[in-house]
Amino acid sequence: FHRRQLRHGQEGVQLGGGAEVRWAAHLLKVPAEELAKALTTRVTAARAERMRSPLPIDQALDARDAFAKALYSSLFSWLVLRINSIVHRAGLH
């Protein structure tokens, strides 16, 4: 994550090299551009219109951390369910 200046004195975020984003997007089976947008912008809905605005670097880092936390939580929950189903099937409970 790198800080960048946008028009009108607004601050935004640019992701580094891109290889990490492409790899993460590949693993998640989502387009890399969409993952990058999700981590660096905010969507505001007003009436029937949706506007995307850049996040400041501190909020982008918070979004990245929250996304990683949600991924780890989901992975852990899936792993516990998988282990429990195997143990239950094997009659090891």
N, C-alpha and C. Protein backbone atom coordinates (compact mmCIF):
# COMPACT_ATOMS: atom_id res chain seq x y z
N PHE A 1 0.85 -1.17 0.00
CA PHE A 1 0.00 0.00 0.00
C PHE A 1 0.90 1.23 0.00
N HIS A 2 0.68 2.08 -0.98
CA HIS A 2 1.46 3.31 -1.09
C HIS A 2 0.50 4.49 -1.17
N ARG A 3 0.85 5.55 -0.45
CA ARG A 3 0.05 6.77 -0.46
C ARG A 3 0.24 7.47 -1.81
N ARG A 4 -0.87 8.02 -2.34
CA ARG A 4 -0.77 8.81 -3.56
C ARG A 4 -1.72 9.98 -3.49
N GLN A 5 -1.36 11.05 -4.15
CA GLN A 5 -2.19 12.25 -4.19
C GLN A 5 -3.10 12.19 -5.40
N LEU A 6 -4.37 12.51 -5.18
CA LEU A 6 -5.34 12.54 -6.26
C LEU A 6 -5.71 13.98 -6.54
N ARG A 7 -6.62 14.17 -7.46
CA ARG A 7 -7.09 15.52 -7.77
C ARG A 7 -7.76 16.15 -6.56
N HIS A 8 -7.80 17.44 -6.54
CA HIS A 8 -8.47 18.21 -5.49
C HIS A 8 -7.86 17.98 -4.11
N GLY A 9 -6.58 17.62 -4.06
CA GLY A 9 -5.89 17.43 -2.79
C GLY A 9 -6.31 16.19 -2.02
N GLN A 10 -7.07 15.33 -2.67
CA GLN A 10 -7.55 14.12 -2.01
C GLN A 10 -6.43 13.08 -1.98
N GLU A 11 -6.40 12.32 -0.88
CA GLU A 11 -5.39 11.27 -0.74
C GLU A 11 -6.01 9.93 -1.12
N GLY A 12 -5.21 9.08 -1.75
CA GLY A 12 -5.66 7.75 -2.11
C GLY A 12 -4.57 6.73 -1.84
N VAL A 13 -4.82 5.52 -2.25
CA VAL A 13 -3.89 4.42 -2.03
C VAL A 13 -3.65 3.71 -3.35
N GLN A 14 -2.40 3.36 -3.56
CA GLN A 14 -2.04 2.55 -4.71
C GLN A 14 -1.41 1.27 -4.18
N LEU A 15 -1.84 0.14 -4.71
CA LEU A 15 -1.26 -1.12 -4.28
C LEU A 15 0.09 -1.30 -4.95
N GLY A 16 1.01 -1.96 -4.26
CA GLY A 16 2.36 -2.19 -4.77
C GLY A 16 2.37 -3.04 -6.02
N GLY A 17 3.48 -3.70 -6.29
CA GLY A 17 3.75 -4.48 -7.48
C GLY A 17 2.60 -5.14 -8.19
N GLY A 18 1.64 -5.65 -7.47
CA GLY A 18 0.50 -6.26 -8.12
C GLY A 18 0.51 -7.78 -8.09
N ALA A 19 1.68 -8.38 -7.95
CA ALA A 19 1.76 -9.85 -7.95
C ALA A 19 0.99 -10.43 -6.77
N GLU A 20 1.08 -9.79 -5.62
CA GLU A 20 0.38 -10.28 -4.44
C GLU A 20 -1.13 -10.20 -4.61
N VAL A 21 -1.60 -9.10 -5.18
CA VAL A 21 -3.03 -8.93 -5.41
C VAL A 21 -3.52 -9.95 -6.43
N ARG A 22 -2.76 -10.15 -7.50
CA ARG A 22 -3.14 -11.14 -8.51
C ARG A 22 -3.20 -12.54 -7.91
N TRP A 23 -2.22 -12.89 -7.07
CA TRP A 23 -2.19 -14.20 -6.45
C TRP A 23 -3.37 -14.38 -5.49
N ALA A 24 -3.62 -13.38 -4.65
CA ALA A 24 -4.75 -13.46 -3.72
C ALA A 24 -6.06 -13.56 -4.49
N ALA A 25 -6.20 -12.79 -5.55
CA ALA A 25 -7.42 -12.83 -6.37
C ALA A 25 -7.59 -14.20 -7.01
N HIS A 26 -6.49 -14.77 -7.48
CA HIS A 26 -6.54 -16.11 -8.06
C HIS A 26 -7.03 -17.13 -7.04
N LEU A 27 -6.48 -17.08 -5.82
CA LEU A 27 -6.89 -18.02 -4.77
C LEU A 27 -8.35 -17.83 -4.38
N LEU A 28 -8.82 -16.59 -4.39
CA LEU A 28 -10.20 -16.29 -4.02
C LEU A 28 -11.17 -16.42 -5.20
N LYS A 29 -10.60 -16.63 -6.40
CA LYS A 29 -11.39 -16.75 -7.62
C LYS A 29 -12.23 -15.50 -7.89
N VAL A 30 -11.58 -14.35 -7.76
CA VAL A 30 -12.20 -13.07 -8.08
C VAL A 30 -11.25 -12.29 -8.99
N PRO A 31 -11.77 -11.36 -9.79
CA PRO A 31 -10.88 -10.54 -10.62
C PRO A 31 -9.95 -9.68 -9.74
N ALA A 32 -8.69 -9.60 -10.12
CA ALA A 32 -7.70 -8.82 -9.35
C ALA A 32 -8.12 -7.36 -9.24
N GLU A 33 -8.70 -6.81 -10.30
CA GLU A 33 -9.11 -5.40 -10.27
C GLU A 33 -10.20 -5.17 -9.22
N GLU A 34 -11.11 -6.13 -9.10
CA GLU A 34 -12.19 -6.00 -8.11
C GLU A 34 -11.65 -6.10 -6.69
N LEU A 35 -10.70 -7.00 -6.47
CA LEU A 35 -10.09 -7.12 -5.15
C LEU A 35 -9.36 -5.83 -4.79
N ALA A 36 -8.60 -5.29 -5.74
CA ALA A 36 -7.87 -4.04 -5.50
C ALA A 36 -8.85 -2.91 -5.18
N LYS A 37 -9.95 -2.82 -5.93
CA LYS A 37 -10.94 -1.77 -5.66
C LYS A 37 -11.57 -1.95 -4.28
N ALA A 38 -11.85 -3.20 -3.91
CA ALA A 38 -12.48 -3.46 -2.61
C ALA A 38 -11.57 -3.04 -1.46
N LEU A 39 -10.26 -3.13 -1.65
CA LEU A 39 -9.32 -2.79 -0.59
C LEU A 39 -8.94 -1.32 -0.56
N THR A 40 -9.20 -0.60 -1.63
CA THR A 40 -8.70 0.78 -1.71
C THR A 40 -9.79 1.83 -1.90
N THR A 41 -11.05 1.41 -2.03
CA THR A 41 -12.12 2.38 -2.24
C THR A 41 -13.32 2.07 -1.36
N ARG A 42 -14.19 3.04 -1.25
CA ARG A 42 -15.44 2.91 -0.48
C ARG A 42 -16.59 3.19 -1.45
N VAL A 43 -17.68 2.45 -1.30
CA VAL A 43 -18.87 2.66 -2.13
C VAL A 43 -19.93 3.35 -1.28
N THR A 44 -20.43 4.46 -1.79
CA THR A 44 -21.49 5.21 -1.12
C THR A 44 -22.72 5.17 -2.01
N ALA A 45 -23.84 4.77 -1.44
CA ALA A 45 -25.09 4.71 -2.20
C ALA A 45 -25.94 5.93 -1.87
N ALA A 46 -26.36 6.63 -2.90
CA ALA A 46 -27.25 7.77 -2.75
C ALA A 46 -28.37 7.63 -3.78
N ARG A 47 -29.55 7.42 -3.29
CA ARG A 47 -30.72 7.13 -4.14
C ARG A 47 -30.42 5.89 -4.96
N ALA A 48 -30.52 5.99 -6.27
CA ALA A 48 -30.27 4.82 -7.13
C ALA A 48 -28.83 4.81 -7.64
N GLU A 49 -28.03 5.72 -7.14
CA GLU A 49 -26.66 5.88 -7.65
C GLU A 49 -25.65 5.38 -6.63
N ARG A 50 -24.62 4.72 -7.13
CA ARG A 50 -23.53 4.26 -6.26
C ARG A 50 -22.25 4.96 -6.70
N MET A 51 -21.58 5.59 -5.73
CA MET A 51 -20.35 6.31 -6.04
C MET A 51 -19.19 5.65 -5.32
N ARG A 52 -18.08 5.55 -6.01
CA ARG A 52 -16.88 4.95 -5.44
C ARG A 52 -15.88 6.07 -5.17
N SER A 53 -15.36 6.11 -3.94
CA SER A 53 -14.37 7.13 -3.59
C SER A 53 -13.15 6.46 -2.96
N PRO A 54 -11.98 7.04 -3.15
CA PRO A 54 -10.75 6.42 -2.63
C PRO A 54 -10.67 6.50 -1.11
N LEU A 55 -10.09 5.48 -0.51
CA LEU A 55 -9.85 5.46 0.93
C LEU A 55 -8.50 6.09 1.23
N PRO A 56 -8.39 6.84 2.33
CA PRO A 56 -7.06 7.27 2.79
C PRO A 56 -6.27 6.03 3.21
N ILE A 57 -4.97 6.15 3.26
CA ILE A 57 -4.12 4.98 3.51
C ILE A 57 -4.45 4.29 4.82
N ASP A 58 -4.75 5.04 5.89
CA ASP A 58 -5.04 4.39 7.17
C ASP A 58 -6.32 3.55 7.09
N GLN A 59 -7.33 4.04 6.37
CA GLN A 59 -8.56 3.28 6.22
C GLN A 59 -8.38 2.09 5.29
N ALA A 60 -7.53 2.24 4.27
CA ALA A 60 -7.24 1.12 3.37
C ALA A 60 -6.51 0.01 4.12
N LEU A 61 -5.59 0.39 4.99
CA LEU A 61 -4.89 -0.62 5.80
C LEU A 61 -5.85 -1.30 6.76
N ASP A 62 -6.78 -0.55 7.33
CA ASP A 62 -7.80 -1.15 8.19
C ASP A 62 -8.69 -2.11 7.40
N ALA A 63 -9.04 -1.73 6.16
CA ALA A 63 -9.86 -2.60 5.31
C ALA A 63 -9.11 -3.88 4.99
N ARG A 64 -7.82 -3.76 4.70
CA ARG A 64 -7.00 -4.95 4.43
C ARG A 64 -6.97 -5.87 5.64
N ASP A 65 -6.74 -5.29 6.81
CA ASP A 65 -6.66 -6.10 8.04
C ASP A 65 -8.00 -6.76 8.36
N ALA A 66 -9.10 -6.04 8.17
CA ALA A 66 -10.42 -6.60 8.43
C ALA A 66 -10.73 -7.73 7.46
N PHE A 67 -10.33 -7.56 6.21
CA PHE A 67 -10.53 -8.60 5.20
C PHE A 67 -9.74 -9.85 5.55
N ALA A 68 -8.48 -9.67 5.95
CA ALA A 68 -7.65 -10.80 6.34
C ALA A 68 -8.23 -11.50 7.57
N LYS A 69 -8.72 -10.73 8.52
CA LYS A 69 -9.33 -11.32 9.73
C LYS A 69 -10.56 -12.14 9.37
N ALA A 70 -11.39 -11.62 8.47
CA ALA A 70 -12.59 -12.34 8.05
C ALA A 70 -12.23 -13.62 7.31
N LEU A 71 -11.19 -13.56 6.48
CA LEU A 71 -10.74 -14.76 5.77
C LEU A 71 -10.25 -15.82 6.74
N TYR A 72 -9.41 -15.43 7.68
CA TYR A 72 -8.89 -16.38 8.66
C TYR A 72 -10.02 -16.96 9.51
N SER A 73 -10.98 -16.15 9.89
CA SER A 73 -12.11 -16.62 10.68
C SER A 73 -12.93 -17.65 9.90
N SER A 74 -13.20 -17.35 8.64
CA SER A 74 -13.96 -18.29 7.80
C SER A 74 -13.19 -19.58 7.59
N LEU A 75 -11.89 -19.46 7.36
CA LEU A 75 -11.07 -20.65 7.16
C LEU A 75 -11.04 -21.50 8.43
N PHE A 76 -10.90 -20.88 9.57
CA PHE A 76 -10.88 -21.61 10.83
C PHE A 76 -12.22 -22.32 11.07
N SER A 77 -13.31 -21.62 10.84
CA SER A 77 -14.64 -22.23 11.01
C SER A 77 -14.82 -23.42 10.08
N TRP A 78 -14.42 -23.26 8.83
CA TRP A 78 -14.51 -24.36 7.87
C TRP A 78 -13.67 -25.54 8.33
N LEU A 79 -12.46 -25.27 8.81
CA LEU A 79 -11.57 -26.33 9.26
C LEU A 79 -12.16 -27.09 10.45
N VAL A 80 -12.72 -26.38 11.41
CA VAL A 80 -13.34 -27.02 12.56
C VAL A 80 -14.52 -27.89 12.12
N LEU A 81 -15.36 -27.37 11.23
CA LEU A 81 -16.49 -28.17 10.72
C LEU A 81 -16.01 -29.42 10.00
N ARG A 82 -14.98 -29.27 9.20
CA ARG A 82 -14.43 -30.41 8.45
C ARG A 82 -13.87 -31.46 9.40
N ILE A 83 -13.10 -31.05 10.37
CA ILE A 83 -12.53 -31.99 11.35
C ILE A 83 -13.64 -32.67 12.13
N ASN A 84 -14.64 -31.91 12.57
CA ASN A 84 -15.76 -32.49 13.32
C ASN A 84 -16.52 -33.52 12.49
N SER A 85 -16.73 -33.23 11.20
CA SER A 85 -17.46 -34.19 10.37
C SER A 85 -16.65 -35.47 10.16
N ILE A 86 -15.34 -35.36 10.03
CA ILE A 86 -14.49 -36.54 9.88
C ILE A 86 -14.48 -37.36 11.17
N VAL A 87 -14.35 -36.69 12.29
CA VAL A 87 -14.34 -37.37 13.58
C VAL A 87 -15.68 -38.06 13.82
N HIS A 88 -16.77 -37.36 13.51
CA HIS A 88 -18.11 -37.93 13.71
C HIS A 88 -18.32 -39.15 12.82
N ARG A 89 -17.91 -39.06 11.55
CA ARG A 89 -18.05 -40.16 10.61
C ARG A 89 -17.25 -41.38 11.04
N ALA A 90 -16.07 -41.13 11.57
CA ALA A 90 -15.19 -42.23 11.99
C ALA A 90 -15.61 -42.81 13.34
N GLY A 91 -16.57 -42.17 13.98
CA GLY A 91 -17.02 -42.66 15.28
C GLY A 91 -16.00 -42.44 16.38
N LEU A 92 -15.19 -41.40 16.23
CA LEU A 92 -14.14 -41.12 17.21
C LEU A 92 -14.59 -40.17 18.30
N HIS A 93 -15.83 -39.77 18.30
CA HIS A 93 -16.29 -38.80 19.31
C HIS A 93 -16.54 -39.47 20.57
